[in-house]
């Protein structure tokens, strides 16, 4: 019987050493994450940009940029007369909350909110497992009495957005690696110029979009599912582009709406005989490795 060659034995010891090293690294990482989780710095903060208090915001258009991840988020309208406000409950040992408010040369204003978890990789993952207490909760209240352009990027978390009653000029909303619910429960102050929604690696529900009456509507989902409800009080025509990739999409269309899908109006979607015709929704759909169903 031949003896194992030297290089074979060396290879075995090399593999064993690599395994032991990986176990050591995992153990140290776990110990560090456990030690991090023992300390906490709970915060309960209310943020009000300076312009809210001195009247700069009153009547002037603004832009709100929300970049938030790994938490529970809610975005809704403030009460009439109230300004922009953020209520945050989080652990400062685990999360970072930054805000910036600036006045632009044209007298408009810009508010940027950045909320994310500190650290990355395996240590941050284990730290989240060992940490006790409630998850991060962020509530954003948008002023209803001034025109606002909204940009929202939400990842790795859940978000509920009820934008009814606001004065939104446009909105660009992105959900990634999580679930999102968007509702316009009341008509906006004025129709939006555009509404763009992108949902990736997660699910989304978008309701009563007619109350927003966007002139341009673009909804894209990938690696997930979505439901689009075009109900609401449409005030103008709309060019709508809805696409789904590697997932399913359902588009709900109220019976009274005039809809032209991909350049053709079916009999079921023909205009009704009214003195003032209903707005026309020019719907363009695209599907790749998935399914898109239009429900009338």
C-alpha atoms as a PDB file:
ATOM      1  CA  UNK A   1       0.000   0.000   0.000  1.00  0.00           C
ATOM      2  CA  UNK A   2       1.394   3.390  -1.012  1.00  0.00           C
ATOM      3  CA  UNK A   3       1.728   6.090   1.593  1.00  0.00           C
ATOM      4  CA  UNK A   4       0.029   9.497   1.146  1.00  0.00           C
ATOM      5  CA  UNK A   5       2.242  11.898  -0.629  1.00  0.00           C
ATOM      6  CA  UNK A   6       3.649  14.819   1.261  1.00  0.00           C
ATOM      7  CA  UNK A   7       1.685  17.392  -0.704  1.00  0.00           C
ATOM      8  CA  UNK A   8      -1.538  15.516   0.048  1.00  0.00           C
ATOM      9  CA  UNK A   9      -0.821  15.606   3.767  1.00  0.00           C
ATOM     10  CA  UNK A  10       0.132  19.259   3.494  1.00  0.00           C
ATOM     11  CA  UNK A  11      -3.156  19.970   1.712  1.00  0.00           C
ATOM     12  CA  UNK A  12      -5.141  18.327   4.497  1.00  0.00           C
ATOM     13  CA  UNK A  13      -3.389  20.367   7.149  1.00  0.00           C
ATOM     14  CA  UNK A  14      -3.937  23.469   5.038  1.00  0.00           C
ATOM     15  CA  UNK A  15      -7.701  22.808   4.796  1.00  0.00           C
ATOM     16  CA  UNK A  16      -7.886  22.114   8.519  1.00  0.00           C
ATOM     17  CA  UNK A  17      -6.061  25.339   9.252  1.00  0.00           C
ATOM     18  CA  UNK A  18      -8.431  27.290   7.024  1.00  0.00           C
ATOM     19  CA  UNK A  19     -11.456  25.770   8.767  1.00  0.00           C
ATOM     20  CA  UNK A  20     -10.046  26.591  12.202  1.00  0.00           C
ATOM     21  CA  UNK A  21      -9.310  30.135  11.074  1.00  0.00           C
ATOM     22  CA  UNK A  22     -12.881  30.564   9.806  1.00  0.00           C
ATOM     23  CA  UNK A  23     -14.267  29.243  13.091  1.00  0.00           C
ATOM     24  CA  UNK A  24     -12.018  31.622  15.010  1.00  0.00           C
ATOM     25  CA  UNK A  25     -13.121  34.606  12.928  1.00  0.00           C
ATOM     26  CA  UNK A  26     -16.790  33.633  13.325  1.00  0.00           C
ATOM     27  CA  UNK A  27     -16.373  33.254  17.071  1.00  0.00           C
ATOM     28  CA  UNK A  28     -14.631  36.603  17.468  1.00  0.00           C
ATOM     29  CA  UNK A  29     -17.224  38.331  15.271  1.00  0.00           C
ATOM     30  CA  UNK A  30     -20.049  36.787  17.301  1.00  0.00           C
ATOM     31  CA  UNK A  31     -18.410  37.843  20.568  1.00  0.00           C
ATOM     32  CA  UNK A  32     -17.950  41.412  19.331  1.00  0.00           C
ATOM     33  CA  UNK A  33     -21.553  41.592  18.101  1.00  0.00           C
ATOM     34  CA  UNK A  34     -22.821  40.248  21.436  1.00  0.00           C
ATOM     35  CA  UNK A  35     -20.724  42.824  23.291  1.00  0.00           C
ATOM     36  CA  UNK A  36     -22.077  45.617  21.046  1.00  0.00           C
ATOM     37  CA  UNK A  37     -25.639  44.506  21.701  1.00  0.00           C
ATOM     38  CA  UNK A  38     -25.218  44.769  25.487  1.00  0.00           C
ATOM     39  CA  UNK A  39     -24.883  48.558  25.246  1.00  0.00           C
ATOM     40  CA  UNK A  40     -27.716  50.724  23.999  1.00  0.00           C
ATOM     41  CA  UNK A  41     -28.540  54.393  23.657  1.00  0.00           C
ATOM     42  CA  UNK A  42     -32.326  54.724  23.167  1.00  0.00           C
ATOM     43  CA  UNK A  43     -33.454  57.944  21.544  1.00  0.00           C
ATOM     44  CA  UNK A  44     -36.904  59.480  21.216  1.00  0.00           C
ATOM     45  CA  UNK A  45     -36.491  62.588  19.092  1.00  0.00           C
ATOM     46  CA  UNK A  46     -38.704  65.122  17.338  1.00  0.00           C
ATOM     47  CA  UNK A  47     -37.052  66.984  14.483  1.00  0.00           C
ATOM     48  CA  UNK A  48     -38.467  70.269  13.228  1.00  0.00           C
ATOM     49  CA  UNK A  49     -36.386  72.071  10.617  1.00  0.00           C
ATOM     50  CA  UNK A  50     -35.553  75.627  11.613  1.00  0.00           C
ATOM     51  CA  UNK A  51     -37.639  77.046   8.781  1.00  0.00           C
ATOM     52  CA  UNK A  52     -40.755  75.507  10.285  1.00  0.00           C
ATOM     53  CA  UNK A  53     -40.459  77.788  13.292  1.00  0.00           C
ATOM     54  CA  UNK A  54     -39.507  81.070  11.663  1.00  0.00           C
ATOM     55  CA  UNK A  55     -41.966  81.003   8.789  1.00  0.00           C
ATOM     56  CA  UNK A  56     -39.521  80.612   5.896  1.00  0.00           C
ATOM     57  CA  UNK A  57     -41.330  77.487   4.746  1.00  0.00           C
ATOM     58  CA  UNK A  58     -44.757  79.132   4.631  1.00  0.00           C
ATOM     59  CA  UNK A  59     -46.011  79.220   1.068  1.00  0.00           C
ATOM     60  CA  UNK A  60     -42.653  78.445  -0.535  1.00  0.00           C
ATOM     61  CA  UNK A  61     -42.101  75.269  -2.569  1.00  0.00           C
ATOM     62  CA  UNK A  62     -39.706  72.689  -1.244  1.00  0.00           C
ATOM     63  CA  UNK A  63     -38.083  69.323  -1.864  1.00  0.00           C
ATOM     64  CA  UNK A  64     -38.045  66.484   0.668  1.00  0.00           C
ATOM     65  CA  UNK A  65     -35.499  63.689   0.227  1.00  0.00           C
ATOM     66  CA  UNK A  66     -35.887  60.617   2.453  1.00  0.00           C
ATOM     67  CA  UNK A  67     -33.157  57.975   2.425  1.00  0.00           C
ATOM     68  CA  UNK A  68     -34.032  55.385   5.075  1.00  0.00           C
ATOM     69  CA  UNK A  69     -33.245  51.727   5.645  1.00  0.00           C
ATOM     70  CA  UNK A  70     -33.694  48.895   8.141  1.00  0.00           C
ATOM     71  CA  UNK A  71     -36.648  50.081  10.172  1.00  0.00           C
ATOM     72  CA  UNK A  72     -40.378  50.700  10.248  1.00  0.00           C
ATOM     73  CA  UNK A  73     -41.311  53.890   8.437  1.00  0.00           C
ATOM     74  CA  UNK A  74     -44.516  55.899   8.079  1.00  0.00           C
ATOM     75  CA  UNK A  75     -44.972  58.950   5.884  1.00  0.00           C
ATOM     76  CA  UNK A  76     -48.156  60.989   6.041  1.00  0.00           C
ATOM     77  CA  UNK A  77     -49.656  64.454   6.061  1.00  0.00           C
ATOM     78  CA  UNK A  78     -49.312  66.835   8.969  1.00  0.00           C
ATOM     79  CA  UNK A  79     -52.357  68.777  10.138  1.00  0.00           C
ATOM     80  CA  UNK A  80     -53.272  71.995   8.315  1.00  0.00           C
ATOM     81  CA  UNK A  81     -51.012  74.795   9.487  1.00  0.00           C
ATOM     82  CA  UNK A  82     -48.357  72.420  10.775  1.00  0.00           C
ATOM     83  CA  UNK A  83     -44.908  72.267   9.259  1.00  0.00           C
ATOM     84  CA  UNK A  84     -42.509  69.481   8.434  1.00  0.00           C
ATOM     85  CA  UNK A  85     -41.853  67.184  11.391  1.00  0.00           C
ATOM     86  CA  UNK A  86     -40.010  63.910  12.006  1.00  0.00           C
ATOM     87  CA  UNK A  87     -40.611  61.703  15.036  1.00  0.00           C
ATOM     88  CA  UNK A  88     -37.882  59.112  15.556  1.00  0.00           C
ATOM     89  CA  UNK A  89     -37.524  56.254  18.018  1.00  0.00           C
ATOM     90  CA  UNK A  90     -34.283  54.296  17.680  1.00  0.00           C
ATOM     91  CA  UNK A  91     -31.119  53.062  19.369  1.00  0.00           C
ATOM     92  CA  UNK A  92     -28.232  55.430  18.660  1.00  0.00           C
ATOM     93  CA  UNK A  93     -25.775  52.577  19.242  1.00  0.00           C
ATOM     94  CA  UNK A  94     -27.239  50.812  16.211  1.00  0.00           C
ATOM     95  CA  UNK A  95     -28.536  53.587  13.943  1.00  0.00           C
ATOM     96  CA  UNK A  96     -27.491  56.959  12.587  1.00  0.00           C
ATOM     97  CA  UNK A  97     -30.004  59.760  12.013  1.00  0.00           C
ATOM     98  CA  UNK A  98     -28.889  62.807  10.040  1.00  0.00           C
ATOM     99  CA  UNK A  99     -30.868  65.769   8.770  1.00  0.00           C
ATOM    100  CA  UNK A 100     -30.041  68.769   6.628  1.00  0.00           C
ATOM    101  CA  UNK A 101     -32.153  71.797   5.812  1.00  0.00           C
ATOM    102  CA  UNK A 102     -31.031  74.401   3.303  1.00  0.00           C
ATOM    103  CA  UNK A 103     -32.567  77.370   1.515  1.00  0.00           C
ATOM    104  CA  UNK A 104     -31.933  77.426  -2.225  1.00  0.00           C
ATOM    105  CA  UNK A 105     -30.967  80.505  -4.296  1.00  0.00           C
ATOM    106  CA  UNK A 106     -34.526  80.696  -5.687  1.00  0.00           C
ATOM    107  CA  UNK A 107     -35.883  80.849  -2.079  1.00  0.00           C
ATOM    108  CA  UNK A 108     -37.187  77.291  -2.235  1.00  0.00           C
ATOM    109  CA  UNK A 109     -36.048  74.895   0.485  1.00  0.00           C
ATOM    110  CA  UNK A 110     -34.516  71.416   0.640  1.00  0.00           C
ATOM    111  CA  UNK A 111     -34.824  68.915   3.496  1.00  0.00           C
ATOM    112  CA  UNK A 112     -32.755  65.715   3.491  1.00  0.00           C
ATOM    113  CA  UNK A 113     -33.251  62.923   6.041  1.00  0.00           C
ATOM    114  CA  UNK A 114     -30.782  60.025   6.211  1.00  0.00           C
ATOM    115  CA  UNK A 115     -31.443  57.083   8.514  1.00  0.00           C
ATOM    116  CA  UNK A 116     -29.482  53.845   8.392  1.00  0.00           C
ATOM    117  CA  UNK A 117     -27.959  51.152  10.543  1.00  0.00           C
ATOM    118  CA  UNK A 118     -24.325  51.462  11.566  1.00  0.00           C
ATOM    119  CA  UNK A 119     -21.824  48.819  10.510  1.00  0.00           C
ATOM    120  CA  UNK A 120     -22.175  46.177   7.837  1.00  0.00           C
ATOM    121  CA  UNK A 121     -21.567  42.536   7.152  1.00  0.00           C
ATOM    122  CA  UNK A 122     -21.801  39.589   9.558  1.00  0.00           C
ATOM    123  CA  UNK A 123     -21.088  41.622  12.695  1.00  0.00           C
ATOM    124  CA  UNK A 124     -24.014  43.968  12.041  1.00  0.00           C
ATOM    125  CA  UNK A 125     -26.266  41.006  11.252  1.00  0.00           C
ATOM    126  CA  UNK A 126     -25.395  39.209  14.486  1.00  0.00           C
ATOM    127  CA  UNK A 127     -25.714  42.446  16.401  1.00  0.00           C
ATOM    128  CA  UNK A 128     -29.294  42.819  15.188  1.00  0.00           C
ATOM    129  CA  UNK A 129     -30.048  39.281  16.413  1.00  0.00           C
ATOM    130  CA  UNK A 130     -28.647  39.876  19.897  1.00  0.00           C
ATOM    131  CA  UNK A 131     -30.203  43.302  20.346  1.00  0.00           C
ATOM    132  CA  UNK A 132     -33.277  43.477  22.560  1.00  0.00           C
ATOM    133  CA  UNK A 133     -36.007  46.050  22.446  1.00  0.00           C
ATOM    134  CA  UNK A 134     -38.228  47.536  19.728  1.00  0.00           C
ATOM    135  CA  UNK A 135     -37.000  48.135  16.201  1.00  0.00           C
ATOM    136  CA  UNK A 136     -36.475  51.608  14.825  1.00  0.00           C
ATOM    137  CA  UNK A 137     -39.620  53.633  14.103  1.00  0.00           C
ATOM    138  CA  UNK A 138     -39.604  56.785  12.002  1.00  0.00           C
ATOM    139  CA  UNK A 139     -42.679  58.951  11.353  1.00  0.00           C
ATOM    140  CA  UNK A 140     -42.414  61.722   8.764  1.00  0.00           C
ATOM    141  CA  UNK A 141     -45.153  64.382   8.626  1.00  0.00           C
ATOM    142  CA  UNK A 142     -45.209  66.444   5.432  1.00  0.00           C
ATOM    143  CA  UNK A 143     -46.685  69.969   5.405  1.00  0.00           C
ATOM    144  CA  UNK A 144     -50.038  70.000   3.552  1.00  0.00           C
ATOM    145  CA  UNK A 145     -50.115  73.735   2.806  1.00  0.00           C
ATOM    146  CA  UNK A 146     -47.010  74.142   0.621  1.00  0.00           C
ATOM    147  CA  UNK A 147     -46.016  72.548  -2.709  1.00  0.00           C
ATOM    148  CA  UNK A 148     -43.569  69.709  -2.120  1.00  0.00           C
ATOM    149  CA  UNK A 149     -41.491  67.510  -4.406  1.00  0.00           C
ATOM    150  CA  UNK A 150     -40.956  64.144  -2.698  1.00  0.00           C
ATOM    151  CA  UNK A 151     -38.027  61.779  -3.259  1.00  0.00           C
ATOM    152  CA  UNK A 152     -38.094  58.635  -1.141  1.00  0.00           C
ATOM    153  CA  UNK A 153     -35.674  55.703  -1.115  1.00  0.00           C
ATOM    154  CA  UNK A 154     -36.649  52.978   1.374  1.00  0.00           C
ATOM    155  CA  UNK A 155     -34.663  49.744   1.676  1.00  0.00           C
ATOM    156  CA  UNK A 156     -34.618  46.685   3.916  1.00  0.00           C
ATOM    157  CA  UNK A 157     -37.654  47.694   5.912  1.00  0.00           C
ATOM    158  CA  UNK A 158     -41.368  48.246   5.858  1.00  0.00           C
ATOM    159  CA  UNK A 159     -43.058  51.512   4.924  1.00  0.00           C
ATOM    160  CA  UNK A 160     -46.608  52.836   5.007  1.00  0.00           C
ATOM    161  CA  UNK A 161     -47.300  56.008   3.065  1.00  0.00           C
ATOM    162  CA  UNK A 162     -50.604  57.879   3.075  1.00  0.00           C
ATOM    163  CA  UNK A 163     -50.050  60.998   1.008  1.00  0.00           C
ATOM    164  CA  UNK A 164     -53.702  62.025   0.783  1.00  0.00           C
ATOM    165  CA  UNK A 165     -54.496  65.718   1.128  1.00  0.00           C
ATOM    166  CA  UNK A 166     -50.962  66.927   0.425  1.00  0.00           C
ATOM    167  CA  UNK A 167     -49.790  69.447  -2.144  1.00  0.00           C
ATOM    168  CA  UNK A 168     -47.350  67.204  -4.007  1.00  0.00           C
ATOM    169  CA  UNK A 169     -45.973  68.490  -7.293  1.00  0.00           C
ATOM    170  CA  UNK A 170     -44.162  65.220  -8.066  1.00  0.00           C
ATOM    171  CA  UNK A 171     -42.933  62.084  -6.322  1.00  0.00           C
ATOM    172  CA  UNK A 172     -40.179  59.556  -6.984  1.00  0.00           C
ATOM    173  CA  UNK A 173     -40.616  56.594  -4.641  1.00  0.00           C
ATOM    174  CA  UNK A 174     -38.412  53.512  -4.428  1.00  0.00           C
ATOM    175  CA  UNK A 175     -38.842  50.375  -2.323  1.00  0.00           C
ATOM    176  CA  UNK A 176     -36.012  47.828  -2.184  1.00  0.00           C
ATOM    177  CA  UNK A 177     -35.726  44.580  -0.227  1.00  0.00           C
ATOM    178  CA  UNK A 178     -38.888  45.155   1.745  1.00  0.00           C
ATOM    179  CA  UNK A 179     -42.591  45.842   1.599  1.00  0.00           C
ATOM    180  CA  UNK A 180     -44.294  49.112   0.810  1.00  0.00           C
ATOM    181  CA  UNK A 181     -47.835  50.448   0.948  1.00  0.00           C
ATOM    182  CA  UNK A 182     -48.766  53.695  -0.768  1.00  0.00           C
ATOM    183  CA  UNK A 183     -52.229  55.251  -0.552  1.00  0.00           C
ATOM    184  CA  UNK A 184     -53.745  58.552  -1.609  1.00  0.00           C
ATOM    185  CA  UNK A 185     -56.723  58.379   0.731  1.00  0.00           C
ATOM    186  CA  UNK A 186     -57.835  61.915  -0.207  1.00  0.00           C
ATOM    187  CA  UNK A 187     -57.427  64.018  -3.352  1.00  0.00           C
ATOM    188  CA  UNK A 188     -54.323  66.165  -3.471  1.00  0.00           C
ATOM    189  CA  UNK A 189     -54.486  69.949  -3.487  1.00  0.00           C
ATOM    190  CA  UNK A 190     -53.561  69.882  -7.183  1.00  0.00           C
ATOM    191  CA  UNK A 191     -52.833  67.124  -9.716  1.00  0.00           C
ATOM    192  CA  UNK A 192     -49.243  65.881  -9.762  1.00  0.00           C
ATOM    193  CA  UNK A 193     -47.003  66.369 -12.756  1.00  0.00           C
ATOM    194  CA  UNK A 194     -45.464  62.907 -12.316  1.00  0.00           C
ATOM    195  CA  UNK A 195     -45.512  59.903 -10.012  1.00  0.00           C
ATOM    196  CA  UNK A 196     -42.759  57.306 -10.314  1.00  0.00           C
ATOM    197  CA  UNK A 197     -42.695  54.125  -8.243  1.00  0.00           C
ATOM    198  CA  UNK A 198     -40.010  51.449  -8.331  1.00  0.00           C
ATOM    199  CA  UNK A 199     -40.218  48.300  -6.256  1.00  0.00           C
ATOM    200  CA  UNK A 200     -37.411  45.721  -6.285  1.00  0.00           C
ATOM    201  CA  UNK A 201     -36.990  42.475  -4.343  1.00  0.00           C
ATOM    202  CA  UNK A 202     -40.213  42.967  -2.424  1.00  0.00           C
ATOM    203  CA  UNK A 203     -43.921  43.595  -2.639  1.00  0.00           C
ATOM    204  CA  UNK A 204     -45.913  46.764  -3.004  1.00  0.00           C
ATOM    205  CA  UNK A 205     -49.497  47.972  -2.876  1.00  0.00           C
ATOM    206  CA  UNK A 206     -50.415  51.305  -4.501  1.00  0.00           C
ATOM    207  CA  UNK A 207     -53.979  52.476  -3.952  1.00  0.00           C
ATOM    208  CA  UNK A 208     -56.284  55.326  -5.032  1.00  0.00           C
ATOM    209  CA  UNK A 209     -53.789  56.754  -7.494  1.00  0.00           C
ATOM    210  CA  UNK A 210     -56.619  58.672  -9.136  1.00  0.00           C
ATOM    211  CA  UNK A 211     -56.659  61.018  -6.158  1.00  0.00           C
ATOM    212  CA  UNK A 212     -53.125  62.039  -7.135  1.00  0.00           C
ATOM    213  CA  UNK A 213     -54.121  62.535 -10.812  1.00  0.00           C
ATOM    214  CA  UNK A 214     -50.539  62.343 -12.109  1.00  0.00           C
ATOM    215  CA  UNK A 215     -50.117  63.400 -15.707  1.00  0.00           C
ATOM    216  CA  UNK A 216     -47.250  60.919 -15.946  1.00  0.00           C
ATOM    217  CA  UNK A 217     -47.334  57.610 -14.058  1.00  0.00           C
ATOM    218  CA  UNK A 218     -44.457  55.097 -14.143  1.00  0.00           C
ATOM    219  CA  UNK A 219     -44.541  51.943 -12.002  1.00  0.00           C
ATOM    220  CA  UNK A 220     -41.865  49.252 -12.192  1.00  0.00           C
ATOM    221  CA  UNK A 221     -41.589  46.076 -10.131  1.00  0.00           C
ATOM    222  CA  UNK A 222     -38.912  43.398 -10.258  1.00  0.00           C
ATOM    223  CA  UNK A 223     -38.393  40.195  -8.288  1.00  0.00           C
ATOM    224  CA  UNK A 224     -41.629  40.719  -6.402  1.00  0.00           C
ATOM    225  CA  UNK A 225     -45.327  41.374  -6.696  1.00  0.00           C
ATOM    226  CA  UNK A 226     -47.488  44.430  -6.787  1.00  0.00           C
ATOM    227  CA  UNK A 227     -51.055  45.713  -6.966  1.00  0.00           C
ATOM    228  CA  UNK A 228     -51.951  48.997  -8.637  1.00  0.00           C
ATOM    229  CA  UNK A 229     -55.369  50.520  -7.951  1.00  0.00           C
ATOM    230  CA  UNK A 230     -56.317  53.377 -10.288  1.00  0.00           C
ATOM    231  CA  UNK A 231     -59.403  54.327  -8.276  1.00  0.00           C
ATOM    232  CA  UNK A 232     -59.956  57.898  -7.178  1.00  0.00           C
ATOM    233  CA  UNK A 233     -60.949  61.283  -8.513  1.00  0.00           C
ATOM    234  CA  UNK A 234     -59.049  61.696 -11.777  1.00  0.00           C
ATOM    235  CA  UNK A 235     -58.922  65.329 -12.905  1.00  0.00           C
ATOM    236  CA  UNK A 236     -56.877  65.010 -16.099  1.00  0.00           C
ATOM    237  CA  UNK A 237     -55.538  62.572 -18.682  1.00  0.00           C
ATOM    238  CA  UNK A 238     -52.621  60.359 -17.737  1.00  0.00           C
ATOM    239  CA  UNK A 239     -49.825  58.588 -19.593  1.00  0.00           C
ATOM    240  CA  UNK A 240     -49.206  55.458 -17.528  1.00  0.00           C
ATOM    241  CA  UNK A 241     -46.364  52.962 -17.953  1.00  0.00           C
ATOM    242  CA  UNK A 242     -46.564  49.838 -15.825  1.00  0.00           C
ATOM    243  CA  UNK A 243     -44.048  46.999 -16.072  1.00  0.00           C
ATOM    244  CA  UNK A 244     -43.282  43.825 -14.157  1.00  0.00           C
ATOM    245  CA  UNK A 245     -40.174  41.638 -14.263  1.00  0.00           C
ATOM    246  CA  UNK A 246     -39.776  38.297 -12.505  1.00  0.00           C
ATOM    247  CA  UNK A 247     -43.035  38.717 -10.613  1.00  0.00           C
ATOM    248  CA  UNK A 248     -46.735  39.375 -10.813  1.00  0.00           C
ATOM    249  CA  UNK A 249     -48.693  42.593 -11.140  1.00  0.00           C
ATOM    250  CA  UNK A 250     -52.419  43.323 -10.885  1.00  0.00           C
ATOM    251  CA  UNK A 251     -53.832  46.595 -12.220  1.00  0.00           C
ATOM    252  CA  UNK A 252     -57.324  47.508 -10.994  1.00  0.00           C
ATOM    253  CA  UNK A 253     -59.264  49.911 -13.224  1.00  0.00           C
ATOM    254  CA  UNK A 254     -62.644  51.385 -12.154  1.00  0.00           C
ATOM    255  CA  UNK A 255     -65.400  50.771 -14.660  1.00  0.00           C
ATOM    256  CA  UNK A 256     -66.088  54.462 -15.364  1.00  0.00           C
ATOM    257  CA  UNK A 257     -62.542  55.265 -16.501  1.00  0.00           C
ATOM    258  CA  UNK A 258     -61.671  55.639 -20.168  1.00  0.00           C
ATOM    259  CA  UNK A 259     -58.597  53.508 -20.698  1.00  0.00           C
ATOM    260  CA  UNK A 260     -56.599  52.923 -23.842  1.00  0.00           C
ATOM    261  CA  UNK A 261     -54.247  50.001 -23.299  1.00  0.00           C
ATOM    262  CA  UNK A 262     -51.181  49.695 -25.509  1.00  0.00           C
ATOM    263  CA  UNK A 263     -52.789  51.929 -28.136  1.00  0.00           C
ATOM    264  CA  UNK A 264     -56.101  50.063 -28.374  1.00  0.00           C
ATOM    265  CA  UNK A 265     -59.381  50.724 -26.555  1.00  0.00           C
ATOM    266  CA  UNK A 266     -61.513  47.639 -26.069  1.00  0.00           C
ATOM    267  CA  UNK A 267     -65.291  47.759 -25.998  1.00  0.00           C
ATOM    268  CA  UNK A 268     -65.268  47.297 -22.237  1.00  0.00           C
ATOM    269  CA  UNK A 269     -63.074  50.369 -21.950  1.00  0.00           C
ATOM    270  CA  UNK A 270     -65.065  52.622 -24.289  1.00  0.00           C
ATOM    271  CA  UNK A 271     -65.915  56.174 -23.128  1.00  0.00           C
ATOM    272  CA  UNK A 272     -69.254  56.640 -21.421  1.00  0.00           C
ATOM    273  CA  UNK A 273     -71.876  59.056 -22.775  1.00  0.00           C
ATOM    274  CA  UNK A 274     -71.415  62.041 -20.502  1.00  0.00           C
ATOM    275  CA  UNK A 275     -71.525  65.788 -21.068  1.00  0.00           C
ATOM    276  CA  UNK A 276     -68.075  66.055 -19.506  1.00  0.00           C
ATOM    277  CA  UNK A 277     -66.109  62.961 -20.552  1.00  0.00           C
ATOM    278  CA  UNK A 278     -63.991  61.156 -18.033  1.00  0.00           C
ATOM    279  CA  UNK A 279     -60.222  61.619 -18.265  1.00  0.00           C
ATOM    280  CA  UNK A 280     -58.386  59.172 -20.502  1.00  0.00           C
ATOM    281  CA  UNK A 281     -55.719  56.863 -19.091  1.00  0.00           C
ATOM    282  CA  UNK A 282     -53.269  55.847 -21.803  1.00  0.00           C
ATOM    283  CA  UNK A 283     -51.925  52.613 -20.337  1.00  0.00           C
ATOM    284  CA  UNK A 284     -48.768  50.944 -21.624  1.00  0.00           C
ATOM    285  CA  UNK A 285     -47.776  47.608 -20.075  1.00  0.00           C
ATOM    286  CA  UNK A 286     -44.660  45.456 -20.254  1.00  0.00           C
ATOM    287  CA  UNK A 287     -43.971  42.043 -18.745  1.00  0.00           C
ATOM    288  CA  UNK A 288     -40.822  39.907 -18.649  1.00  0.00           C
ATOM    289  CA  UNK A 289     -40.684  36.564 -16.868  1.00  0.00           C
ATOM    290  CA  UNK A 290     -43.868  37.336 -15.009  1.00  0.00           C
ATOM    291  CA  UNK A 291     -47.556  38.146 -15.329  1.00  0.00           C
ATOM    292  CA  UNK A 292     -49.538  41.352 -15.483  1.00  0.00           C
ATOM    293  CA  UNK A 293     -53.313  41.230 -15.125  1.00  0.00           C
ATOM    294  CA  UNK A 294     -55.652  44.138 -15.806  1.00  0.00           C
ATOM    295  CA  UNK A 295     -58.858  43.889 -13.762  1.00  0.00           C
ATOM    296  CA  UNK A 296     -61.780  45.968 -14.913  1.00  0.00           C
END
